[in-house]
N, C-alpha and C. Protein backbone atom coordinates (compact mmCIF):
# COMPACT_ATOMS: atom_id res chain seq x y z
N MET A 1 30.55 20.26 33.90
CA MET A 1 29.63 21.36 34.13
C MET A 1 28.21 20.85 34.11
N LYS A 2 27.46 21.26 35.09
CA LYS A 2 26.10 20.80 35.22
C LYS A 2 25.17 21.71 34.45
N VAL A 3 24.27 21.08 33.68
CA VAL A 3 23.33 21.87 32.89
C VAL A 3 22.04 21.98 33.66
N ASN A 4 21.52 23.20 33.75
CA ASN A 4 20.23 23.40 34.42
C ASN A 4 19.12 22.88 33.54
N LYS A 5 18.05 22.46 34.19
CA LYS A 5 16.89 21.93 33.46
C LYS A 5 16.37 22.97 32.49
N SER A 6 16.45 24.23 32.84
CA SER A 6 15.91 25.28 31.98
C SER A 6 16.75 25.46 30.72
N GLU A 7 18.03 25.01 30.78
CA GLU A 7 18.91 25.18 29.63
C GLU A 7 18.91 23.97 28.69
N GLU A 8 18.27 22.86 29.10
CA GLU A 8 18.24 21.67 28.26
C GLU A 8 17.50 21.95 26.96
N VAL A 9 18.05 21.43 25.85
CA VAL A 9 17.40 21.61 24.55
C VAL A 9 16.34 20.55 24.40
N GLU A 10 15.17 20.97 24.07
CA GLU A 10 14.09 20.01 23.89
C GLU A 10 14.19 19.38 22.51
N THR A 11 14.13 18.03 22.47
CA THR A 11 14.16 17.34 21.17
C THR A 11 12.79 16.72 20.95
N SER A 12 12.30 16.88 19.75
CA SER A 12 10.98 16.30 19.46
C SER A 12 11.16 14.81 19.18
N PRO A 13 10.25 14.00 19.61
CA PRO A 13 10.37 12.56 19.35
C PRO A 13 10.31 12.28 17.84
N VAL A 14 11.10 11.32 17.40
CA VAL A 14 11.12 10.96 15.98
C VAL A 14 9.77 10.34 15.63
N ALA A 15 9.20 10.80 14.54
CA ALA A 15 7.91 10.27 14.12
C ALA A 15 8.07 8.79 13.77
N ASN A 16 7.15 7.98 14.22
CA ASN A 16 7.19 6.54 13.93
C ASN A 16 6.62 6.32 12.54
N ILE A 17 7.50 5.90 11.62
CA ILE A 17 7.08 5.71 10.23
C ILE A 17 6.05 4.59 10.09
N PHE A 18 6.02 3.72 11.10
CA PHE A 18 5.09 2.59 11.04
C PHE A 18 3.75 2.86 11.74
N ALA A 19 3.57 4.09 12.21
CA ALA A 19 2.34 4.42 12.91
C ALA A 19 1.12 4.35 11.98
N ASP A 20 1.30 4.75 10.73
CA ASP A 20 0.20 4.70 9.76
C ASP A 20 0.69 3.95 8.52
N LEU A 21 0.38 2.67 8.46
CA LEU A 21 0.87 1.83 7.38
C LEU A 21 0.27 2.19 6.02
N THR A 22 -0.84 2.86 6.01
CA THR A 22 -1.44 3.24 4.71
C THR A 22 -0.54 4.21 3.95
N LYS A 23 0.30 4.94 4.68
CA LYS A 23 1.22 5.87 4.02
C LYS A 23 2.40 5.14 3.35
N LEU A 24 2.67 3.92 3.79
CA LEU A 24 3.77 3.14 3.22
C LEU A 24 3.33 2.24 2.07
N ARG A 25 2.06 1.90 2.06
CA ARG A 25 1.57 0.90 1.10
C ARG A 25 1.66 1.40 -0.33
N LEU A 26 2.29 0.59 -1.19
CA LEU A 26 2.36 0.91 -2.62
C LEU A 26 1.19 0.28 -3.33
N SER A 27 0.69 0.98 -4.31
CA SER A 27 -0.34 0.36 -5.14
C SER A 27 0.38 -0.48 -6.18
N THR A 28 -0.31 -1.49 -6.69
CA THR A 28 0.28 -2.37 -7.69
C THR A 28 0.75 -1.56 -8.89
N ALA A 29 0.00 -0.56 -9.26
CA ALA A 29 0.33 0.25 -10.44
C ALA A 29 1.64 1.02 -10.26
N SER A 30 2.03 1.28 -9.02
CA SER A 30 3.22 2.10 -8.80
C SER A 30 4.52 1.38 -9.13
N PHE A 31 4.50 0.04 -9.14
CA PHE A 31 5.74 -0.65 -9.48
C PHE A 31 5.60 -1.60 -10.67
N MET A 32 4.42 -1.69 -11.24
CA MET A 32 4.25 -2.53 -12.43
C MET A 32 4.77 -1.77 -13.65
N SER A 33 5.48 -2.48 -14.48
CA SER A 33 6.05 -1.85 -15.67
C SER A 33 5.29 -2.33 -16.90
N SER A 34 5.23 -1.48 -17.88
CA SER A 34 4.55 -1.86 -19.11
C SER A 34 5.53 -2.44 -20.12
N SER A 35 6.76 -2.71 -19.68
CA SER A 35 7.76 -3.25 -20.60
C SER A 35 7.59 -4.77 -20.75
N THR A 36 8.19 -5.31 -21.78
CA THR A 36 8.17 -6.74 -22.05
C THR A 36 9.59 -7.27 -21.91
N GLU A 37 9.73 -8.35 -21.14
CA GLU A 37 11.07 -8.92 -20.95
C GLU A 37 11.56 -9.58 -22.24
N ILE A 38 12.83 -9.39 -22.53
CA ILE A 38 13.47 -10.06 -23.65
C ILE A 38 14.24 -11.23 -23.07
N LEU A 39 13.89 -12.43 -23.51
CA LEU A 39 14.51 -13.64 -22.98
C LEU A 39 15.91 -13.78 -23.57
N THR A 40 16.93 -13.63 -22.72
CA THR A 40 18.31 -13.68 -23.19
C THR A 40 19.10 -14.85 -22.62
N LYS A 41 18.53 -15.54 -21.63
CA LYS A 41 19.24 -16.65 -20.99
C LYS A 41 18.26 -17.78 -20.73
N VAL A 42 18.60 -18.96 -21.22
CA VAL A 42 17.84 -20.18 -20.93
C VAL A 42 18.86 -21.21 -20.47
N PRO A 43 18.94 -21.48 -19.17
CA PRO A 43 19.92 -22.45 -18.68
C PRO A 43 19.64 -23.86 -19.20
N VAL A 44 20.70 -24.63 -19.32
CA VAL A 44 20.59 -26.06 -19.65
C VAL A 44 21.06 -26.79 -18.40
N ARG A 45 20.13 -27.47 -17.72
CA ARG A 45 20.48 -28.08 -16.44
C ARG A 45 19.42 -29.07 -15.99
N ARG A 46 19.76 -29.84 -14.96
CA ARG A 46 18.79 -30.69 -14.29
C ARG A 46 18.00 -29.84 -13.30
N PRO A 47 16.84 -30.31 -12.88
CA PRO A 47 16.10 -29.56 -11.85
C PRO A 47 16.89 -29.51 -10.54
N ASN A 48 16.78 -28.41 -9.86
CA ASN A 48 17.38 -28.25 -8.55
C ASN A 48 16.55 -29.06 -7.55
N LYS A 49 17.18 -29.70 -6.59
CA LYS A 49 16.45 -30.57 -5.65
C LYS A 49 15.48 -29.80 -4.74
N GLN A 50 15.60 -28.47 -4.70
CA GLN A 50 14.72 -27.69 -3.83
C GLN A 50 13.60 -26.98 -4.58
N GLU A 51 13.49 -27.20 -5.89
CA GLU A 51 12.47 -26.49 -6.66
C GLU A 51 11.43 -27.44 -7.24
N TYR A 52 10.21 -26.94 -7.32
CA TYR A 52 9.15 -27.66 -8.02
C TYR A 52 9.18 -27.21 -9.46
N ILE A 53 9.02 -28.16 -10.35
CA ILE A 53 9.11 -27.84 -11.78
C ILE A 53 7.94 -28.45 -12.54
N ARG A 54 7.72 -27.88 -13.73
CA ARG A 54 6.80 -28.47 -14.71
C ARG A 54 7.55 -28.62 -16.02
N VAL A 55 7.10 -29.57 -16.84
CA VAL A 55 7.65 -29.79 -18.17
C VAL A 55 6.56 -29.46 -19.18
N ASN A 56 6.91 -28.73 -20.22
CA ASN A 56 5.92 -28.34 -21.23
C ASN A 56 5.41 -29.59 -21.95
N PRO A 57 4.09 -29.86 -21.86
CA PRO A 57 3.55 -31.08 -22.46
C PRO A 57 3.19 -30.94 -23.94
N THR A 58 3.32 -29.73 -24.47
CA THR A 58 2.94 -29.48 -25.86
C THR A 58 3.78 -30.30 -26.82
N GLU A 59 3.12 -30.89 -27.81
CA GLU A 59 3.84 -31.67 -28.81
C GLU A 59 4.81 -30.74 -29.55
N GLY A 60 5.99 -31.22 -29.80
CA GLY A 60 7.00 -30.42 -30.49
C GLY A 60 7.83 -29.54 -29.56
N MET A 61 7.64 -29.70 -28.23
CA MET A 61 8.43 -28.91 -27.28
C MET A 61 9.52 -29.76 -26.61
N SER A 62 9.91 -30.85 -27.27
CA SER A 62 11.04 -31.65 -26.81
C SER A 62 11.73 -32.21 -28.05
N LEU A 63 13.00 -32.56 -27.89
CA LEU A 63 13.79 -33.00 -29.04
C LEU A 63 14.85 -34.00 -28.60
N PRO A 64 14.88 -35.23 -29.19
CA PRO A 64 15.95 -36.17 -28.87
C PRO A 64 17.23 -35.78 -29.63
N VAL A 65 18.33 -35.67 -28.90
CA VAL A 65 19.60 -35.22 -29.48
C VAL A 65 20.76 -35.96 -28.83
N ALA A 66 21.96 -35.66 -29.30
CA ALA A 66 23.19 -36.13 -28.65
C ALA A 66 23.78 -34.94 -27.91
N ILE A 67 24.20 -35.16 -26.68
CA ILE A 67 24.82 -34.10 -25.88
C ILE A 67 26.21 -34.53 -25.41
N TYR A 68 27.02 -33.54 -25.13
CA TYR A 68 28.34 -33.76 -24.54
C TYR A 68 28.37 -32.96 -23.25
N GLU A 69 28.68 -33.62 -22.14
CA GLU A 69 28.77 -32.94 -20.86
C GLU A 69 30.23 -32.60 -20.61
N ASP A 70 30.54 -31.33 -20.70
CA ASP A 70 31.91 -30.85 -20.56
C ASP A 70 32.22 -30.67 -19.07
N MET A 71 32.92 -31.63 -18.49
CA MET A 71 33.27 -31.55 -17.07
C MET A 71 34.30 -30.46 -16.82
N HIS A 72 35.06 -30.12 -17.84
CA HIS A 72 36.09 -29.08 -17.73
C HIS A 72 35.44 -27.71 -17.47
N ASP A 73 34.43 -27.36 -18.29
CA ASP A 73 33.76 -26.06 -18.17
C ASP A 73 32.39 -26.16 -17.50
N ARG A 74 31.99 -27.37 -17.09
CA ARG A 74 30.70 -27.61 -16.45
C ARG A 74 29.54 -27.09 -17.30
N GLU A 75 29.55 -27.52 -18.57
CA GLU A 75 28.50 -27.12 -19.49
C GLU A 75 28.00 -28.33 -20.26
N THR A 76 26.74 -28.26 -20.67
CA THR A 76 26.17 -29.26 -21.55
C THR A 76 26.16 -28.68 -22.95
N MET A 77 26.72 -29.42 -23.90
CA MET A 77 26.80 -28.94 -25.28
C MET A 77 25.99 -29.85 -26.19
N LEU A 78 25.47 -29.25 -27.24
CA LEU A 78 24.72 -29.99 -28.25
C LEU A 78 25.70 -30.48 -29.30
N VAL A 79 25.56 -31.74 -29.70
CA VAL A 79 26.46 -32.32 -30.69
C VAL A 79 25.70 -32.48 -32.01
N SER A 80 26.23 -31.88 -33.05
CA SER A 80 25.64 -31.99 -34.38
C SER A 80 25.68 -33.47 -34.80
N PRO A 81 24.61 -33.96 -35.48
CA PRO A 81 24.56 -35.39 -35.84
C PRO A 81 25.79 -35.88 -36.60
N HIS A 82 26.36 -35.07 -37.48
CA HIS A 82 27.52 -35.55 -38.25
C HIS A 82 28.80 -35.63 -37.42
N MET A 83 28.76 -35.14 -36.16
CA MET A 83 29.92 -35.25 -35.26
C MET A 83 29.77 -36.40 -34.26
N CYS A 84 28.63 -37.08 -34.29
CA CYS A 84 28.38 -38.13 -33.30
C CYS A 84 29.37 -39.29 -33.40
N GLU A 85 29.71 -39.69 -34.60
CA GLU A 85 30.64 -40.82 -34.75
C GLU A 85 32.01 -40.47 -34.20
N ALA A 86 32.47 -39.26 -34.47
CA ALA A 86 33.79 -38.83 -34.00
C ALA A 86 33.85 -38.73 -32.48
N LEU A 87 32.71 -38.46 -31.84
CA LEU A 87 32.68 -38.28 -30.38
C LEU A 87 31.91 -39.40 -29.68
N SER A 88 31.73 -40.52 -30.36
CA SER A 88 30.83 -41.57 -29.88
C SER A 88 31.05 -41.99 -28.43
N GLU A 89 32.29 -42.09 -28.00
CA GLU A 89 32.53 -42.55 -26.62
C GLU A 89 32.30 -41.45 -25.58
N HIS A 90 32.09 -40.22 -26.03
CA HIS A 90 31.93 -39.10 -25.09
C HIS A 90 30.52 -38.52 -25.04
N ILE A 91 29.63 -38.95 -25.92
CA ILE A 91 28.31 -38.33 -25.98
C ILE A 91 27.24 -39.23 -25.37
N LYS A 92 26.10 -38.60 -25.08
CA LYS A 92 24.97 -39.34 -24.51
C LYS A 92 23.71 -38.90 -25.23
N PRO A 93 22.79 -39.85 -25.49
CA PRO A 93 21.50 -39.45 -26.05
C PRO A 93 20.63 -38.84 -24.95
N ALA A 94 19.95 -37.76 -25.28
CA ALA A 94 19.11 -37.09 -24.29
C ALA A 94 17.90 -36.47 -24.97
N LEU A 95 16.84 -36.33 -24.20
CA LEU A 95 15.64 -35.65 -24.67
C LEU A 95 15.67 -34.25 -24.08
N LEU A 96 15.83 -33.25 -24.95
CA LEU A 96 15.82 -31.87 -24.47
C LEU A 96 14.37 -31.47 -24.23
N THR A 97 14.03 -31.17 -22.98
CA THR A 97 12.67 -30.80 -22.63
C THR A 97 12.65 -29.38 -22.07
N VAL A 98 11.57 -28.69 -22.35
CA VAL A 98 11.40 -27.32 -21.85
C VAL A 98 10.73 -27.42 -20.49
N ALA A 99 11.39 -26.89 -19.46
CA ALA A 99 10.86 -26.94 -18.10
C ALA A 99 10.80 -25.53 -17.53
N ILE A 100 10.05 -25.40 -16.44
CA ILE A 100 9.92 -24.09 -15.77
C ILE A 100 9.78 -24.34 -14.27
N ASN A 101 10.31 -23.42 -13.47
CA ASN A 101 10.16 -23.57 -12.02
C ASN A 101 9.12 -22.58 -11.50
N ARG A 102 8.90 -22.59 -10.20
CA ARG A 102 7.86 -21.74 -9.58
C ARG A 102 8.19 -20.26 -9.68
N LEU A 103 9.47 -19.92 -9.91
CA LEU A 103 9.86 -18.52 -10.05
C LEU A 103 9.70 -18.04 -11.49
N GLY A 104 9.25 -18.92 -12.36
CA GLY A 104 9.04 -18.54 -13.75
C GLY A 104 10.30 -18.61 -14.60
N VAL A 105 11.34 -19.29 -14.09
CA VAL A 105 12.59 -19.44 -14.85
C VAL A 105 12.44 -20.63 -15.78
N THR A 106 12.53 -20.37 -17.09
CA THR A 106 12.46 -21.43 -18.09
C THR A 106 13.86 -21.99 -18.29
N PHE A 107 13.95 -23.31 -18.37
CA PHE A 107 15.25 -23.94 -18.61
C PHE A 107 15.06 -25.18 -19.46
N ILE A 108 16.16 -25.64 -20.04
CA ILE A 108 16.14 -26.86 -20.84
C ILE A 108 16.69 -27.99 -19.96
N TRP A 109 15.87 -29.02 -19.78
CA TRP A 109 16.28 -30.17 -18.98
C TRP A 109 16.66 -31.30 -19.94
N PRO A 110 17.96 -31.65 -20.01
CA PRO A 110 18.37 -32.77 -20.86
C PRO A 110 18.15 -34.09 -20.11
N VAL A 111 17.03 -34.75 -20.42
CA VAL A 111 16.70 -36.01 -19.76
C VAL A 111 17.40 -37.13 -20.52
N LYS A 112 18.34 -37.78 -19.87
CA LYS A 112 19.13 -38.80 -20.56
C LYS A 112 18.26 -40.01 -20.91
N LEU A 113 18.54 -40.57 -22.09
CA LEU A 113 17.79 -41.71 -22.60
C LEU A 113 18.64 -42.98 -22.52
N VAL A 114 18.00 -44.09 -22.75
CA VAL A 114 18.74 -45.35 -22.81
C VAL A 114 19.68 -45.27 -24.00
N SER A 115 20.90 -45.69 -23.81
CA SER A 115 21.89 -45.61 -24.89
C SER A 115 21.59 -46.63 -25.98
N GLU A 116 22.26 -46.49 -27.12
CA GLU A 116 22.06 -47.40 -28.24
C GLU A 116 22.47 -48.83 -27.90
N THR A 117 23.34 -48.99 -26.91
CA THR A 117 23.75 -50.34 -26.50
C THR A 117 22.69 -50.99 -25.62
N GLY A 118 21.65 -50.24 -25.31
CA GLY A 118 20.57 -50.78 -24.48
C GLY A 118 20.84 -50.65 -23.00
N MET A 119 21.95 -49.99 -22.64
CA MET A 119 22.28 -49.83 -21.23
C MET A 119 21.34 -48.81 -20.59
N ALA A 120 20.64 -49.24 -19.58
CA ALA A 120 19.74 -48.35 -18.85
C ALA A 120 20.25 -48.21 -17.43
N SER A 121 19.74 -47.27 -16.72
CA SER A 121 20.09 -47.14 -15.31
C SER A 121 18.87 -46.63 -14.57
N ASP A 122 18.87 -46.87 -13.28
CA ASP A 122 17.76 -46.38 -12.46
C ASP A 122 17.71 -44.85 -12.47
N TRP A 123 18.89 -44.22 -12.62
CA TRP A 123 18.92 -42.76 -12.70
C TRP A 123 18.16 -42.28 -13.93
N TYR A 124 18.44 -42.89 -15.08
CA TYR A 124 17.78 -42.50 -16.32
C TYR A 124 16.28 -42.75 -16.24
N GLU A 125 15.91 -43.94 -15.75
CA GLU A 125 14.50 -44.32 -15.70
C GLU A 125 13.69 -43.44 -14.76
N THR A 126 14.25 -43.13 -13.59
CA THR A 126 13.50 -42.28 -12.65
C THR A 126 13.44 -40.84 -13.13
N ALA A 127 14.46 -40.37 -13.85
CA ALA A 127 14.42 -39.02 -14.43
C ALA A 127 13.34 -38.96 -15.51
N GLN A 128 13.25 -40.02 -16.34
CA GLN A 128 12.23 -40.05 -17.37
C GLN A 128 10.82 -40.10 -16.77
N THR A 129 10.66 -40.84 -15.68
CA THR A 129 9.38 -40.89 -14.98
C THR A 129 9.01 -39.51 -14.43
N ALA A 130 9.99 -38.84 -13.82
CA ALA A 130 9.75 -37.49 -13.27
C ALA A 130 9.37 -36.53 -14.39
N CYS A 131 10.03 -36.65 -15.53
CA CYS A 131 9.73 -35.78 -16.67
C CYS A 131 8.29 -35.97 -17.14
N GLU A 132 7.85 -37.21 -17.23
CA GLU A 132 6.47 -37.49 -17.65
C GLU A 132 5.47 -36.96 -16.63
N MET A 133 5.76 -37.16 -15.34
CA MET A 133 4.85 -36.67 -14.29
C MET A 133 4.77 -35.15 -14.31
N ALA A 134 5.89 -34.49 -14.61
CA ALA A 134 5.95 -33.02 -14.59
C ALA A 134 5.17 -32.40 -15.74
N LYS A 135 4.75 -33.20 -16.71
CA LYS A 135 3.91 -32.68 -17.79
C LYS A 135 2.50 -32.40 -17.30
N LYS A 136 2.11 -33.07 -16.18
CA LYS A 136 0.75 -32.91 -15.66
C LYS A 136 0.70 -32.22 -14.31
N ASP A 137 1.76 -32.40 -13.52
CA ASP A 137 1.77 -31.89 -12.15
C ASP A 137 3.13 -31.27 -11.81
N TRP A 138 3.12 -30.40 -10.80
CA TRP A 138 4.38 -29.89 -10.26
C TRP A 138 5.08 -31.03 -9.54
N VAL A 139 6.38 -31.19 -9.75
CA VAL A 139 7.16 -32.20 -9.03
C VAL A 139 8.49 -31.62 -8.58
N ARG A 140 9.04 -32.24 -7.57
CA ARG A 140 10.39 -31.90 -7.12
C ARG A 140 11.21 -33.17 -7.27
N VAL A 141 12.40 -33.04 -7.85
CA VAL A 141 13.24 -34.19 -8.17
C VAL A 141 14.54 -34.08 -7.37
N SER A 142 14.82 -35.08 -6.55
CA SER A 142 16.05 -35.04 -5.76
C SER A 142 16.83 -36.34 -5.92
N ALA A 143 18.13 -36.20 -6.06
CA ALA A 143 19.01 -37.37 -6.22
C ALA A 143 19.23 -38.02 -4.86
N ASP A 144 19.13 -39.33 -4.84
CA ASP A 144 19.38 -40.09 -3.62
C ASP A 144 20.48 -41.10 -3.93
N MET A 145 21.69 -40.80 -3.49
CA MET A 145 22.84 -41.64 -3.80
C MET A 145 22.70 -43.05 -3.21
N SER A 146 22.14 -43.16 -2.01
CA SER A 146 22.00 -44.48 -1.41
C SER A 146 20.96 -45.32 -2.13
N LEU A 147 19.96 -44.67 -2.73
CA LEU A 147 18.94 -45.37 -3.52
C LEU A 147 19.46 -45.67 -4.92
N GLY A 148 20.36 -44.82 -5.41
CA GLY A 148 20.88 -44.98 -6.76
C GLY A 148 19.88 -44.55 -7.81
N ALA A 149 19.06 -43.57 -7.44
CA ALA A 149 18.01 -43.09 -8.35
C ALA A 149 17.49 -41.75 -7.86
N TYR A 150 16.60 -41.15 -8.65
CA TYR A 150 15.96 -39.90 -8.23
C TYR A 150 14.70 -40.20 -7.45
N ARG A 151 14.46 -39.42 -6.43
CA ARG A 151 13.19 -39.45 -5.71
C ARG A 151 12.31 -38.35 -6.30
N ILE A 152 11.02 -38.63 -6.41
CA ILE A 152 10.08 -37.68 -7.00
C ILE A 152 9.07 -37.29 -5.93
N HIS A 153 8.90 -35.99 -5.73
CA HIS A 153 8.00 -35.48 -4.69
C HIS A 153 6.91 -34.64 -5.33
N LYS A 154 5.69 -34.78 -4.81
CA LYS A 154 4.58 -33.93 -5.26
C LYS A 154 4.30 -32.91 -4.16
N PRO A 155 3.84 -31.72 -4.51
CA PRO A 155 3.56 -30.71 -3.48
C PRO A 155 2.31 -31.08 -2.68
N GLU A 156 2.25 -30.59 -1.45
CA GLU A 156 1.08 -30.84 -0.61
C GLU A 156 -0.06 -29.91 -0.99
N GLY A 157 0.28 -28.73 -1.48
CA GLY A 157 -0.75 -27.77 -1.85
C GLY A 157 -1.11 -27.83 -3.33
N LEU A 158 -2.15 -27.09 -3.68
CA LEU A 158 -2.58 -27.00 -5.07
C LEU A 158 -1.89 -25.78 -5.69
N LEU A 159 -0.94 -26.01 -6.59
CA LEU A 159 -0.16 -24.93 -7.19
C LEU A 159 -0.77 -24.53 -8.53
N THR A 160 -0.66 -23.25 -8.85
CA THR A 160 -1.24 -22.74 -10.10
C THR A 160 -0.47 -23.24 -11.31
N GLU A 161 -1.13 -23.23 -12.44
CA GLU A 161 -0.50 -23.66 -13.69
C GLU A 161 0.61 -22.68 -14.08
N PRO A 162 1.67 -23.17 -14.72
CA PRO A 162 2.77 -22.27 -15.09
C PRO A 162 2.40 -21.37 -16.27
N GLU A 163 3.08 -20.24 -16.36
CA GLU A 163 2.93 -19.35 -17.51
C GLU A 163 4.15 -19.53 -18.39
N TRP A 164 3.98 -20.24 -19.50
CA TRP A 164 5.09 -20.55 -20.39
C TRP A 164 5.44 -19.33 -21.23
N PRO A 165 6.72 -19.13 -21.53
CA PRO A 165 7.09 -18.02 -22.42
C PRO A 165 6.56 -18.30 -23.82
N GLY A 166 6.19 -17.28 -24.53
CA GLY A 166 5.66 -17.46 -25.87
C GLY A 166 6.76 -17.67 -26.89
N LYS A 167 7.57 -18.68 -26.69
CA LYS A 167 8.70 -18.97 -27.58
C LYS A 167 8.59 -20.40 -28.09
N SER A 168 9.01 -20.61 -29.33
CA SER A 168 9.03 -21.95 -29.90
C SER A 168 10.26 -22.69 -29.36
N LEU A 169 10.28 -24.01 -29.58
CA LEU A 169 11.44 -24.79 -29.16
C LEU A 169 12.69 -24.31 -29.89
N ASN A 170 12.55 -23.99 -31.17
CA ASN A 170 13.69 -23.48 -31.95
C ASN A 170 14.29 -22.24 -31.29
N GLU A 171 13.42 -21.30 -30.89
CA GLU A 171 13.90 -20.06 -30.28
C GLU A 171 14.58 -20.33 -28.94
N LEU A 172 13.97 -21.20 -28.12
CA LEU A 172 14.54 -21.50 -26.80
C LEU A 172 15.89 -22.20 -26.92
N LEU A 173 15.98 -23.14 -27.85
CA LEU A 173 17.25 -23.86 -28.03
C LEU A 173 18.33 -22.94 -28.59
N SER A 174 17.93 -22.01 -29.45
CA SER A 174 18.91 -21.04 -30.00
C SER A 174 19.53 -20.21 -28.89
N ILE A 175 18.72 -19.85 -27.91
CA ILE A 175 19.23 -19.07 -26.77
C ILE A 175 20.05 -19.97 -25.84
N ALA A 176 19.50 -21.15 -25.53
CA ALA A 176 20.14 -22.05 -24.56
C ALA A 176 21.50 -22.54 -25.03
N PHE A 177 21.63 -22.82 -26.34
CA PHE A 177 22.87 -23.41 -26.85
C PHE A 177 23.69 -22.42 -27.69
N ARG A 178 23.50 -21.13 -27.44
CA ARG A 178 24.31 -20.13 -28.13
C ARG A 178 25.78 -20.34 -27.76
N GLY A 179 26.62 -20.65 -28.77
CA GLY A 179 28.04 -20.89 -28.52
C GLY A 179 28.34 -22.24 -27.90
N LYS A 180 27.34 -23.14 -27.86
CA LYS A 180 27.53 -24.44 -27.20
C LYS A 180 27.12 -25.59 -28.12
N VAL A 181 27.46 -25.47 -29.40
CA VAL A 181 27.15 -26.53 -30.36
C VAL A 181 28.47 -27.03 -30.95
N ILE A 182 28.67 -28.33 -30.89
CA ILE A 182 29.87 -28.94 -31.48
C ILE A 182 29.51 -29.35 -32.90
N GLU A 183 30.01 -28.59 -33.86
CA GLU A 183 29.63 -28.80 -35.27
C GLU A 183 30.76 -29.28 -36.16
N ASN A 184 32.02 -29.12 -35.73
CA ASN A 184 33.13 -29.50 -36.61
C ASN A 184 34.37 -29.89 -35.80
N ASP A 185 35.38 -30.37 -36.52
CA ASP A 185 36.62 -30.83 -35.88
C ASP A 185 37.44 -29.71 -35.24
N ASP A 186 37.15 -28.46 -35.60
CA ASP A 186 37.91 -27.34 -35.04
C ASP A 186 37.36 -26.87 -33.70
N HIS A 187 36.27 -27.46 -33.25
CA HIS A 187 35.69 -27.03 -31.97
C HIS A 187 36.69 -27.31 -30.85
N PRO A 188 36.85 -26.38 -29.89
CA PRO A 188 37.81 -26.57 -28.80
C PRO A 188 37.65 -27.89 -28.04
N VAL A 189 36.41 -28.34 -27.85
CA VAL A 189 36.19 -29.61 -27.14
C VAL A 189 36.81 -30.76 -27.92
N VAL A 190 36.57 -30.79 -29.22
CA VAL A 190 37.12 -31.86 -30.06
C VAL A 190 38.64 -31.81 -30.05
N ARG A 191 39.19 -30.62 -30.19
CA ARG A 191 40.65 -30.47 -30.18
C ARG A 191 41.24 -30.91 -28.84
N ARG A 192 40.57 -30.58 -27.75
CA ARG A 192 41.06 -30.98 -26.43
C ARG A 192 41.01 -32.49 -26.26
N LEU A 193 39.91 -33.13 -26.72
CA LEU A 193 39.78 -34.58 -26.59
C LEU A 193 40.81 -35.32 -27.45
N ARG A 194 41.22 -34.68 -28.53
CA ARG A 194 42.23 -35.30 -29.41
C ARG A 194 43.65 -34.95 -29.00
N GLY A 195 43.80 -34.16 -27.96
CA GLY A 195 45.12 -33.79 -27.49
C GLY A 195 45.81 -32.78 -28.40
N LEU A 196 45.02 -31.95 -29.05
CA LEU A 196 45.60 -30.94 -29.94
C LEU A 196 45.73 -29.57 -29.28
N MET A 197 45.31 -29.48 -28.05
CA MET A 197 45.44 -28.21 -27.31
C MET A 197 45.50 -28.48 -25.81
């Protein structure tokens, strides 16, 4: 059936929401919150190869410890000093450093140290160099398997100083290693290494 022009329903054109951008613009106050974030997660990890990071240069914001890297659960665990002898062949000395990326994510970077046997590696040495450089400048750290070491990159632009969380090293480590401390022989990692589970 043919509709006459006189019978056609007129539809109004849809208003273009982008015609006046001032109506869309939010003021900063409209989405800023007066709340304070509660820090509940502090990852323990190496820097991601795509992120620029800084290391907190403040004295007392790093700690040499023994760590166990659990390949089973892909976690880094802190080893209590009195458990080091029992786990000697499985642990590594590391400097726990407080780091932050450009997104403001604080994390603990376990920078491996030269072992007590004096064994060093280019991986350890270049990671330590990157850690020292990151105390003064933003750096990006990427693993290069063919080089057998980390490559260290500086940004081309001038990046602003990081805003560190107002937490002590004790507080940050308490969050980062919650449930990840090997303190006794009953720990699941110890039992698994001894073939008891």
